[in-house]
N, C-alpha and C. Protein backbone atom coordinates (compact mmCIF):
# COMPACT_ATOMS: atom_id res chain seq x y z
N MET A 1 0.84 -1.18 0.00
CA MET A 1 0.00 0.00 0.00
C MET A 1 0.89 1.24 0.00
N LEU A 2 0.57 2.18 -0.83
CA LEU A 2 1.32 3.43 -0.88
C LEU A 2 1.15 4.20 0.41
N GLY A 3 2.15 4.99 0.72
CA GLY A 3 2.04 5.88 1.86
C GLY A 3 2.42 5.29 3.19
N GLN A 4 3.05 4.13 3.20
CA GLN A 4 3.52 3.56 4.45
C GLN A 4 5.01 3.81 4.54
N TYR A 5 5.43 4.43 5.64
CA TYR A 5 6.82 4.84 5.77
C TYR A 5 7.37 4.39 7.11
N SER A 6 8.65 4.19 7.12
CA SER A 6 9.39 3.96 8.36
C SER A 6 10.46 5.03 8.43
N ILE A 7 10.41 5.85 9.46
CA ILE A 7 11.37 6.94 9.60
C ILE A 7 12.27 6.61 10.78
N SER A 8 13.57 6.63 10.51
CA SER A 8 14.51 6.20 11.53
C SER A 8 15.76 7.07 11.51
N LYS A 9 16.23 7.43 12.66
CA LYS A 9 17.48 8.18 12.78
C LYS A 9 18.68 7.24 12.65
N ILE A 10 18.49 6.01 13.07
CA ILE A 10 19.57 5.03 13.01
C ILE A 10 19.57 4.34 11.66
N ASP A 11 20.61 3.57 11.40
CA ASP A 11 20.68 2.85 10.12
C ASP A 11 19.50 1.90 9.99
N THR A 12 18.87 1.95 8.85
CA THR A 12 17.76 1.05 8.55
C THR A 12 18.28 -0.09 7.69
N PRO A 13 17.94 -1.32 8.04
CA PRO A 13 18.44 -2.45 7.24
C PRO A 13 18.01 -2.34 5.78
N LEU A 14 18.89 -2.74 4.89
CA LEU A 14 18.57 -2.70 3.46
C LEU A 14 17.95 -4.00 2.98
N LEU A 15 18.06 -5.04 3.77
CA LEU A 15 17.48 -6.33 3.42
C LEU A 15 16.55 -6.79 4.52
N GLY A 16 15.54 -7.54 4.14
CA GLY A 16 14.61 -8.07 5.12
C GLY A 16 13.85 -9.24 4.52
N LYS A 17 13.00 -9.81 5.31
CA LYS A 17 12.21 -10.95 4.85
C LYS A 17 10.74 -10.55 4.88
N VAL A 18 10.05 -10.82 3.78
CA VAL A 18 8.63 -10.51 3.69
C VAL A 18 7.87 -11.62 4.39
N LEU A 19 7.10 -11.26 5.42
CA LEU A 19 6.35 -12.26 6.16
C LEU A 19 4.99 -12.53 5.54
N THR A 20 4.37 -11.49 4.98
CA THR A 20 3.06 -11.64 4.36
C THR A 20 3.05 -10.85 3.06
N PHE A 21 2.72 -11.53 1.98
CA PHE A 21 2.67 -10.87 0.68
C PHE A 21 1.28 -10.29 0.44
N SER A 22 1.20 -9.38 -0.50
CA SER A 22 -0.10 -8.85 -0.91
C SER A 22 -0.82 -9.90 -1.74
N ARG A 23 -2.03 -9.57 -2.13
CA ARG A 23 -2.80 -10.51 -2.98
C ARG A 23 -2.08 -10.77 -4.30
N GLN A 24 -1.33 -9.78 -4.77
CA GLN A 24 -0.61 -9.94 -6.03
C GLN A 24 0.72 -10.67 -5.83
N GLN A 25 1.03 -11.06 -4.61
CA GLN A 25 2.28 -11.75 -4.28
C GLN A 25 3.50 -10.91 -4.60
N ASP A 26 3.36 -9.60 -4.44
CA ASP A 26 4.50 -8.73 -4.70
C ASP A 26 4.83 -7.93 -3.45
N PHE A 27 6.01 -7.42 -3.44
CA PHE A 27 6.42 -6.57 -2.32
C PHE A 27 7.58 -5.74 -2.80
N LEU A 28 7.52 -4.45 -2.53
CA LEU A 28 8.59 -3.57 -2.93
C LEU A 28 8.81 -2.56 -1.81
N ALA A 29 10.03 -2.48 -1.38
CA ALA A 29 10.38 -1.47 -0.38
C ALA A 29 11.54 -0.66 -0.95
N LEU A 30 11.58 0.58 -0.57
CA LEU A 30 12.60 1.47 -1.08
C LEU A 30 13.11 2.33 0.06
N ALA A 31 14.41 2.43 0.19
CA ALA A 31 15.00 3.28 1.23
C ALA A 31 15.48 4.58 0.58
N VAL A 32 14.98 5.69 1.07
CA VAL A 32 15.39 7.00 0.60
C VAL A 32 15.96 7.73 1.80
N GLU A 33 17.16 8.25 1.64
CA GLU A 33 17.82 8.91 2.76
C GLU A 33 17.69 10.42 2.62
N PHE A 34 17.17 11.04 3.67
CA PHE A 34 17.02 12.49 3.71
C PHE A 34 17.98 13.05 4.74
N ILE A 35 18.46 14.25 4.48
CA ILE A 35 19.21 14.99 5.49
C ILE A 35 18.14 15.79 6.24
N PRO A 36 18.00 15.56 7.55
CA PRO A 36 16.91 16.22 8.29
C PRO A 36 16.84 17.72 8.09
N ASN A 37 17.98 18.40 8.04
CA ASN A 37 17.93 19.85 7.85
C ASN A 37 17.41 20.24 6.47
N ASP A 38 17.61 19.38 5.46
CA ASP A 38 17.03 19.64 4.14
C ASP A 38 15.50 19.57 4.22
N VAL A 39 15.01 18.60 4.97
CA VAL A 39 13.56 18.46 5.13
C VAL A 39 13.01 19.67 5.88
N ILE A 40 13.70 20.09 6.93
CA ILE A 40 13.26 21.25 7.71
C ILE A 40 13.24 22.50 6.82
N THR A 41 14.25 22.64 5.97
CA THR A 41 14.28 23.79 5.06
C THR A 41 13.05 23.79 4.16
N GLU A 42 12.67 22.62 3.66
CA GLU A 42 11.48 22.52 2.81
C GLU A 42 10.22 22.84 3.61
N ILE A 43 10.17 22.38 4.85
CA ILE A 43 9.01 22.66 5.70
C ILE A 43 8.87 24.16 5.92
N LEU A 44 9.99 24.83 6.16
CA LEU A 44 9.94 26.28 6.39
C LEU A 44 9.50 27.04 5.14
N ASP A 45 9.70 26.45 3.96
CA ASP A 45 9.28 27.09 2.72
C ASP A 45 7.78 26.93 2.45
N LEU A 46 7.13 26.03 3.16
CA LEU A 46 5.71 25.79 2.94
C LEU A 46 4.87 26.93 3.52
N ASP A 47 3.69 27.09 2.96
CA ASP A 47 2.73 28.05 3.50
C ASP A 47 2.30 27.60 4.89
N ASN A 48 2.12 28.56 5.78
CA ASN A 48 1.66 28.23 7.14
C ASN A 48 0.32 27.50 7.12
N GLU A 49 -0.54 27.89 6.18
CA GLU A 49 -1.86 27.25 6.09
C GLU A 49 -1.72 25.76 5.74
N LEU A 50 -0.81 25.43 4.84
CA LEU A 50 -0.60 24.03 4.48
C LEU A 50 -0.04 23.25 5.66
N ILE A 51 0.91 23.83 6.38
CA ILE A 51 1.45 23.15 7.56
C ILE A 51 0.35 22.90 8.57
N GLU A 52 -0.52 23.89 8.76
CA GLU A 52 -1.62 23.72 9.70
C GLU A 52 -2.55 22.59 9.25
N HIS A 53 -2.84 22.52 7.95
CA HIS A 53 -3.69 21.44 7.43
C HIS A 53 -3.03 20.08 7.65
N ILE A 54 -1.72 20.01 7.45
CA ILE A 54 -1.01 18.74 7.65
C ILE A 54 -1.08 18.35 9.13
N MET A 55 -0.76 19.29 10.01
CA MET A 55 -0.71 18.99 11.44
C MET A 55 -2.08 18.66 12.02
N LYS A 56 -3.13 19.29 11.49
CA LYS A 56 -4.48 19.03 12.00
C LYS A 56 -5.20 17.97 11.17
N GLU A 57 -4.45 17.35 10.26
CA GLU A 57 -4.96 16.28 9.39
C GLU A 57 -6.23 16.71 8.67
N LYS A 58 -6.17 17.90 8.08
CA LYS A 58 -7.32 18.46 7.37
C LYS A 58 -7.21 18.31 5.86
N LEU A 59 -6.14 17.67 5.36
CA LEU A 59 -6.04 17.48 3.92
C LEU A 59 -7.08 16.46 3.48
N LYS A 60 -7.61 16.65 2.30
CA LYS A 60 -8.63 15.72 1.78
C LYS A 60 -7.99 14.36 1.50
N GLU A 61 -8.75 13.32 1.74
CA GLU A 61 -8.25 11.95 1.54
C GLU A 61 -7.79 11.73 0.10
N GLU A 62 -8.53 12.26 -0.84
CA GLU A 62 -8.18 12.12 -2.26
C GLU A 62 -6.83 12.79 -2.55
N GLU A 63 -6.62 13.98 -1.98
CA GLU A 63 -5.35 14.70 -2.17
C GLU A 63 -4.19 13.91 -1.57
N MET A 64 -4.42 13.31 -0.40
CA MET A 64 -3.36 12.52 0.24
C MET A 64 -3.02 11.29 -0.60
N PHE A 65 -4.04 10.64 -1.16
CA PHE A 65 -3.81 9.47 -2.01
C PHE A 65 -3.00 9.86 -3.25
N ILE A 66 -3.35 10.99 -3.86
CA ILE A 66 -2.62 11.47 -5.03
C ILE A 66 -1.17 11.77 -4.65
N SER A 67 -0.96 12.41 -3.50
CA SER A 67 0.40 12.72 -3.04
C SER A 67 1.21 11.46 -2.80
N ASP A 68 0.60 10.45 -2.18
CA ASP A 68 1.30 9.18 -1.96
C ASP A 68 1.75 8.56 -3.29
N ASP A 69 0.88 8.65 -4.29
CA ASP A 69 1.21 8.14 -5.62
C ASP A 69 2.33 8.96 -6.26
N GLU A 70 2.31 10.27 -6.06
CA GLU A 70 3.33 11.15 -6.64
C GLU A 70 4.72 10.91 -6.04
N VAL A 71 4.77 10.46 -4.79
CA VAL A 71 6.07 10.13 -4.17
C VAL A 71 6.77 9.07 -5.02
N ILE A 72 6.05 8.03 -5.37
CA ILE A 72 6.63 6.93 -6.16
C ILE A 72 7.06 7.43 -7.54
N LYS A 73 6.21 8.22 -8.18
CA LYS A 73 6.54 8.75 -9.50
C LYS A 73 7.80 9.63 -9.46
N ALA A 74 7.90 10.46 -8.43
CA ALA A 74 9.07 11.33 -8.30
C ALA A 74 10.34 10.52 -8.07
N ILE A 75 10.25 9.48 -7.27
CA ILE A 75 11.43 8.64 -7.02
C ILE A 75 11.86 7.92 -8.30
N PHE A 76 10.90 7.47 -9.08
CA PHE A 76 11.25 6.86 -10.38
C PHE A 76 11.95 7.88 -11.27
N ARG A 77 11.53 9.14 -11.21
CA ARG A 77 12.21 10.18 -11.99
C ARG A 77 13.65 10.34 -11.54
N ILE A 78 13.91 10.20 -10.25
CA ILE A 78 15.29 10.28 -9.75
C ILE A 78 16.13 9.18 -10.37
N PHE A 79 15.59 7.96 -10.41
CA PHE A 79 16.34 6.87 -11.04
C PHE A 79 16.61 7.15 -12.51
N SER A 80 15.64 7.73 -13.17
CA SER A 80 15.81 8.08 -14.58
C SER A 80 16.94 9.08 -14.76
N VAL A 81 16.97 10.12 -13.92
CA VAL A 81 18.01 11.15 -14.01
C VAL A 81 19.38 10.54 -13.69
N MET A 82 19.43 9.63 -12.72
CA MET A 82 20.70 9.03 -12.33
C MET A 82 21.30 8.19 -13.46
N ASN A 83 20.45 7.66 -14.33
CA ASN A 83 20.92 6.80 -15.42
C ASN A 83 21.20 7.57 -16.71
N LYS A 84 21.09 8.86 -16.68
CA LYS A 84 21.39 9.67 -17.86
C LYS A 84 22.90 9.74 -18.06
N VAL A 85 23.29 10.09 -19.28
CA VAL A 85 24.71 10.25 -19.59
C VAL A 85 25.31 11.33 -18.71
N LEU A 86 24.55 12.39 -18.48
CA LEU A 86 24.99 13.49 -17.62
C LEU A 86 24.05 13.58 -16.41
N PRO A 87 24.24 12.70 -15.42
CA PRO A 87 23.36 12.78 -14.25
C PRO A 87 23.52 14.14 -13.57
N SER A 88 22.42 14.69 -13.15
CA SER A 88 22.42 16.04 -12.61
C SER A 88 22.06 16.04 -11.12
N LYS A 89 23.01 16.45 -10.29
CA LYS A 89 22.73 16.56 -8.85
C LYS A 89 21.70 17.66 -8.61
N PHE A 90 21.75 18.69 -9.43
CA PHE A 90 20.79 19.79 -9.32
C PHE A 90 19.36 19.28 -9.51
N ILE A 91 19.15 18.50 -10.57
CA ILE A 91 17.82 17.96 -10.86
C ILE A 91 17.39 17.01 -9.75
N ILE A 92 18.30 16.14 -9.32
CA ILE A 92 17.98 15.18 -8.26
C ILE A 92 17.57 15.92 -6.99
N LYS A 93 18.31 16.95 -6.64
CA LYS A 93 17.98 17.73 -5.43
C LYS A 93 16.58 18.32 -5.52
N ASN A 94 16.23 18.85 -6.68
CA ASN A 94 14.90 19.44 -6.84
C ASN A 94 13.80 18.39 -6.85
N ILE A 95 14.08 17.23 -7.40
CA ILE A 95 13.08 16.15 -7.35
C ILE A 95 12.92 15.68 -5.90
N MET A 96 14.01 15.64 -5.14
CA MET A 96 13.92 15.27 -3.72
C MET A 96 13.04 16.27 -2.96
N ARG A 97 13.09 17.53 -3.35
CA ARG A 97 12.20 18.52 -2.74
C ARG A 97 10.75 18.14 -3.00
N GLU A 98 10.47 17.68 -4.23
CA GLU A 98 9.12 17.22 -4.56
C GLU A 98 8.74 16.02 -3.72
N VAL A 99 9.67 15.08 -3.56
CA VAL A 99 9.40 13.88 -2.76
C VAL A 99 9.02 14.30 -1.34
N ILE A 100 9.78 15.20 -0.75
CA ILE A 100 9.49 15.68 0.60
C ILE A 100 8.10 16.32 0.64
N TYR A 101 7.82 17.17 -0.33
CA TYR A 101 6.52 17.83 -0.38
C TYR A 101 5.38 16.81 -0.45
N TYR A 102 5.52 15.83 -1.34
CA TYR A 102 4.45 14.85 -1.50
C TYR A 102 4.30 13.95 -0.28
N ILE A 103 5.39 13.63 0.38
CA ILE A 103 5.28 12.84 1.62
C ILE A 103 4.52 13.66 2.66
N LEU A 104 4.89 14.94 2.79
CA LEU A 104 4.21 15.80 3.76
C LEU A 104 2.71 15.94 3.46
N CYS A 105 2.35 15.96 2.19
CA CYS A 105 0.94 16.10 1.80
C CYS A 105 0.23 14.75 1.69
N GLY A 106 0.95 13.68 1.92
CA GLY A 106 0.37 12.35 1.82
C GLY A 106 -0.26 11.88 3.12
N SER A 107 -0.61 10.60 3.14
CA SER A 107 -1.35 10.04 4.26
C SER A 107 -0.54 9.97 5.56
N CYS A 108 0.77 10.06 5.47
CA CYS A 108 1.62 10.01 6.67
C CYS A 108 2.36 11.34 6.89
N GLY A 109 1.84 12.41 6.30
CA GLY A 109 2.51 13.70 6.38
C GLY A 109 2.74 14.20 7.79
N LYS A 110 1.72 14.12 8.63
CA LYS A 110 1.85 14.61 10.00
C LYS A 110 2.92 13.83 10.74
N GLN A 111 2.90 12.52 10.61
CA GLN A 111 3.88 11.68 11.31
C GLN A 111 5.29 11.95 10.79
N PHE A 112 5.42 12.13 9.48
CA PHE A 112 6.72 12.44 8.89
C PHE A 112 7.25 13.76 9.44
N LEU A 113 6.39 14.77 9.43
CA LEU A 113 6.78 16.09 9.91
C LEU A 113 7.20 16.03 11.38
N GLN A 114 6.40 15.38 12.21
CA GLN A 114 6.72 15.27 13.63
C GLN A 114 8.02 14.50 13.85
N SER A 115 8.22 13.43 13.10
CA SER A 115 9.43 12.62 13.26
C SER A 115 10.68 13.41 12.90
N ILE A 116 10.63 14.14 11.80
CA ILE A 116 11.79 14.93 11.38
C ILE A 116 12.11 16.00 12.41
N VAL A 117 11.08 16.70 12.88
CA VAL A 117 11.31 17.74 13.89
C VAL A 117 11.92 17.13 15.15
N ASN A 118 11.41 15.99 15.57
CA ASN A 118 11.94 15.33 16.77
C ASN A 118 13.39 14.89 16.57
N ILE A 119 13.71 14.37 15.39
CA ILE A 119 15.10 13.95 15.11
C ILE A 119 16.03 15.15 15.15
N VAL A 120 15.64 16.25 14.51
CA VAL A 120 16.48 17.44 14.50
C VAL A 120 16.63 18.00 15.91
N GLN A 121 15.54 18.03 16.65
CA GLN A 121 15.59 18.54 18.02
C GLN A 121 16.51 17.67 18.88
N ALA A 122 16.41 16.35 18.76
CA ALA A 122 17.28 15.45 19.53
C ALA A 122 18.74 15.67 19.16
N ASP A 123 19.02 15.85 17.87
CA ASP A 123 20.40 16.11 17.43
C ASP A 123 20.93 17.40 18.05
N GLU A 124 20.10 18.44 18.03
CA GLU A 124 20.53 19.73 18.55
C GLU A 124 20.77 19.67 20.06
N ILE A 125 19.90 18.97 20.78
CA ILE A 125 20.09 18.81 22.22
C ILE A 125 21.36 18.03 22.51
N TYR A 126 21.60 16.97 21.73
CA TYR A 126 22.82 16.18 21.89
C TYR A 126 24.06 17.04 21.65
N LYS A 127 24.02 17.86 20.60
CA LYS A 127 25.16 18.74 20.30
C LYS A 127 25.39 19.74 21.43
N ALA A 128 24.30 20.30 21.95
CA ALA A 128 24.44 21.27 23.05
C ALA A 128 25.02 20.60 24.28
N ASN A 129 24.53 19.43 24.62
CA ASN A 129 25.05 18.70 25.78
C ASN A 129 26.52 18.34 25.58
N SER A 130 26.87 17.89 24.40
CA SER A 130 28.27 17.53 24.11
C SER A 130 29.17 18.75 24.23
N TRP A 131 28.70 19.88 23.70
CA TRP A 131 29.49 21.10 23.77
C TRP A 131 29.71 21.50 25.23
N ILE A 132 28.66 21.43 26.03
CA ILE A 132 28.77 21.79 27.45
C ILE A 132 29.75 20.86 28.16
N LYS A 133 29.66 19.56 27.89
CA LYS A 133 30.57 18.59 28.53
C LYS A 133 32.02 18.87 28.16
N GLU A 134 32.26 19.25 26.92
CA GLU A 134 33.63 19.53 26.48
C GLU A 134 34.16 20.87 26.99
N ASN A 135 33.28 21.81 27.26
CA ASN A 135 33.70 23.17 27.57
C ASN A 135 33.28 23.66 28.96
N PHE A 136 32.80 22.76 29.81
CA PHE A 136 32.25 23.22 31.08
C PHE A 136 33.29 23.86 31.99
N ARG A 137 34.54 23.55 31.81
CA ARG A 137 35.59 24.14 32.66
C ARG A 137 35.98 25.54 32.17
N ASN A 138 35.70 25.83 30.95
CA ASN A 138 36.04 27.14 30.38
C ASN A 138 34.88 28.11 30.60
N SER A 139 35.19 29.38 30.67
CA SER A 139 34.11 30.35 30.77
C SER A 139 33.51 30.54 29.37
N PHE A 140 32.23 30.71 29.33
CA PHE A 140 31.54 30.91 28.07
C PHE A 140 30.22 31.63 28.33
N ARG A 141 29.66 32.16 27.29
CA ARG A 141 28.36 32.81 27.37
C ARG A 141 27.30 31.84 26.86
N PHE A 142 26.14 31.90 27.44
CA PHE A 142 25.06 31.04 26.97
C PHE A 142 24.69 31.37 25.53
N SER A 143 24.89 32.61 25.14
CA SER A 143 24.58 32.99 23.76
C SER A 143 25.44 32.20 22.77
N THR A 144 26.66 31.81 23.20
CA THR A 144 27.53 31.00 22.35
C THR A 144 26.89 29.64 22.09
N ILE A 145 26.33 29.04 23.12
CA ILE A 145 25.72 27.71 22.98
C ILE A 145 24.47 27.80 22.11
N PHE A 146 23.61 28.74 22.44
CA PHE A 146 22.30 28.78 21.82
C PHE A 146 22.27 29.42 20.45
N ARG A 147 23.33 30.09 20.05
CA ARG A 147 23.39 30.71 18.72
C ARG A 147 23.12 29.67 17.64
N ASP A 148 23.72 28.49 17.80
CA ASP A 148 23.59 27.45 16.78
C ASP A 148 22.32 26.62 16.95
N PHE A 149 21.63 26.76 18.08
CA PHE A 149 20.51 25.88 18.35
C PHE A 149 19.16 26.58 18.32
N VAL A 150 19.14 27.84 17.98
CA VAL A 150 17.90 28.59 17.90
C VAL A 150 17.05 28.08 16.74
N PHE A 151 17.69 27.57 15.71
CA PHE A 151 17.02 27.07 14.51
C PHE A 151 15.88 26.12 14.86
N VAL A 152 16.12 25.18 15.77
CA VAL A 152 15.11 24.19 16.13
C VAL A 152 13.89 24.86 16.73
N PHE A 153 14.11 25.86 17.56
CA PHE A 153 12.99 26.52 18.20
C PHE A 153 12.17 27.32 17.19
N VAL A 154 12.81 27.89 16.20
CA VAL A 154 12.10 28.61 15.14
C VAL A 154 11.22 27.64 14.37
N VAL A 155 11.76 26.47 14.06
CA VAL A 155 11.01 25.45 13.32
C VAL A 155 9.81 25.00 14.14
N LYS A 156 10.02 24.68 15.40
CA LYS A 156 8.91 24.21 16.25
C LYS A 156 7.83 25.27 16.36
N GLU A 157 8.23 26.52 16.46
CA GLU A 157 7.24 27.59 16.57
C GLU A 157 6.40 27.67 15.30
N LYS A 158 7.04 27.53 14.14
CA LYS A 158 6.31 27.61 12.88
C LYS A 158 5.36 26.43 12.73
N ILE A 159 5.80 25.26 13.12
CA ILE A 159 5.00 24.05 12.90
C ILE A 159 3.95 23.85 13.99
N PHE A 160 4.38 23.94 15.23
CA PHE A 160 3.50 23.60 16.35
C PHE A 160 2.90 24.82 17.02
N GLY A 161 3.35 26.02 16.65
CA GLY A 161 2.85 27.23 17.28
C GLY A 161 3.29 27.35 18.73
N GLU A 162 4.40 26.71 19.08
CA GLU A 162 4.88 26.72 20.47
C GLU A 162 5.81 27.88 20.70
């Protein structure tokens, strides 16, 4: 079924065993790797109204189904570009933006958005804690620590209104 995703911060296995096949006896899984900050950048580019619709699950079911289908089509386009004589990183990057958009507008958009924000927030907290552990004996200003970590709070405010 389209629109089923597994989002993981840790390495996801590339091989697995299918326990139950569909009626057509087929199964296809695809691993696409996103850089969380790239996804956040795309989220920040979205209209606030669209983000609100995603978070409140107000998108129409038909629109979500179309978006889930478009994810697959966009990924196939990436494979097509990769197999060209002159593969273009520029084109691939822009198609990945489409993939992110369609996932967000699809049936698992809210979960995807929440997962990415949580991953980025956990990374930022880890970085802040690591920095403090390495520098706690030295004098420093809190503005030094938080200068690099304000980004997460801006994102959360835009998405969650917090």
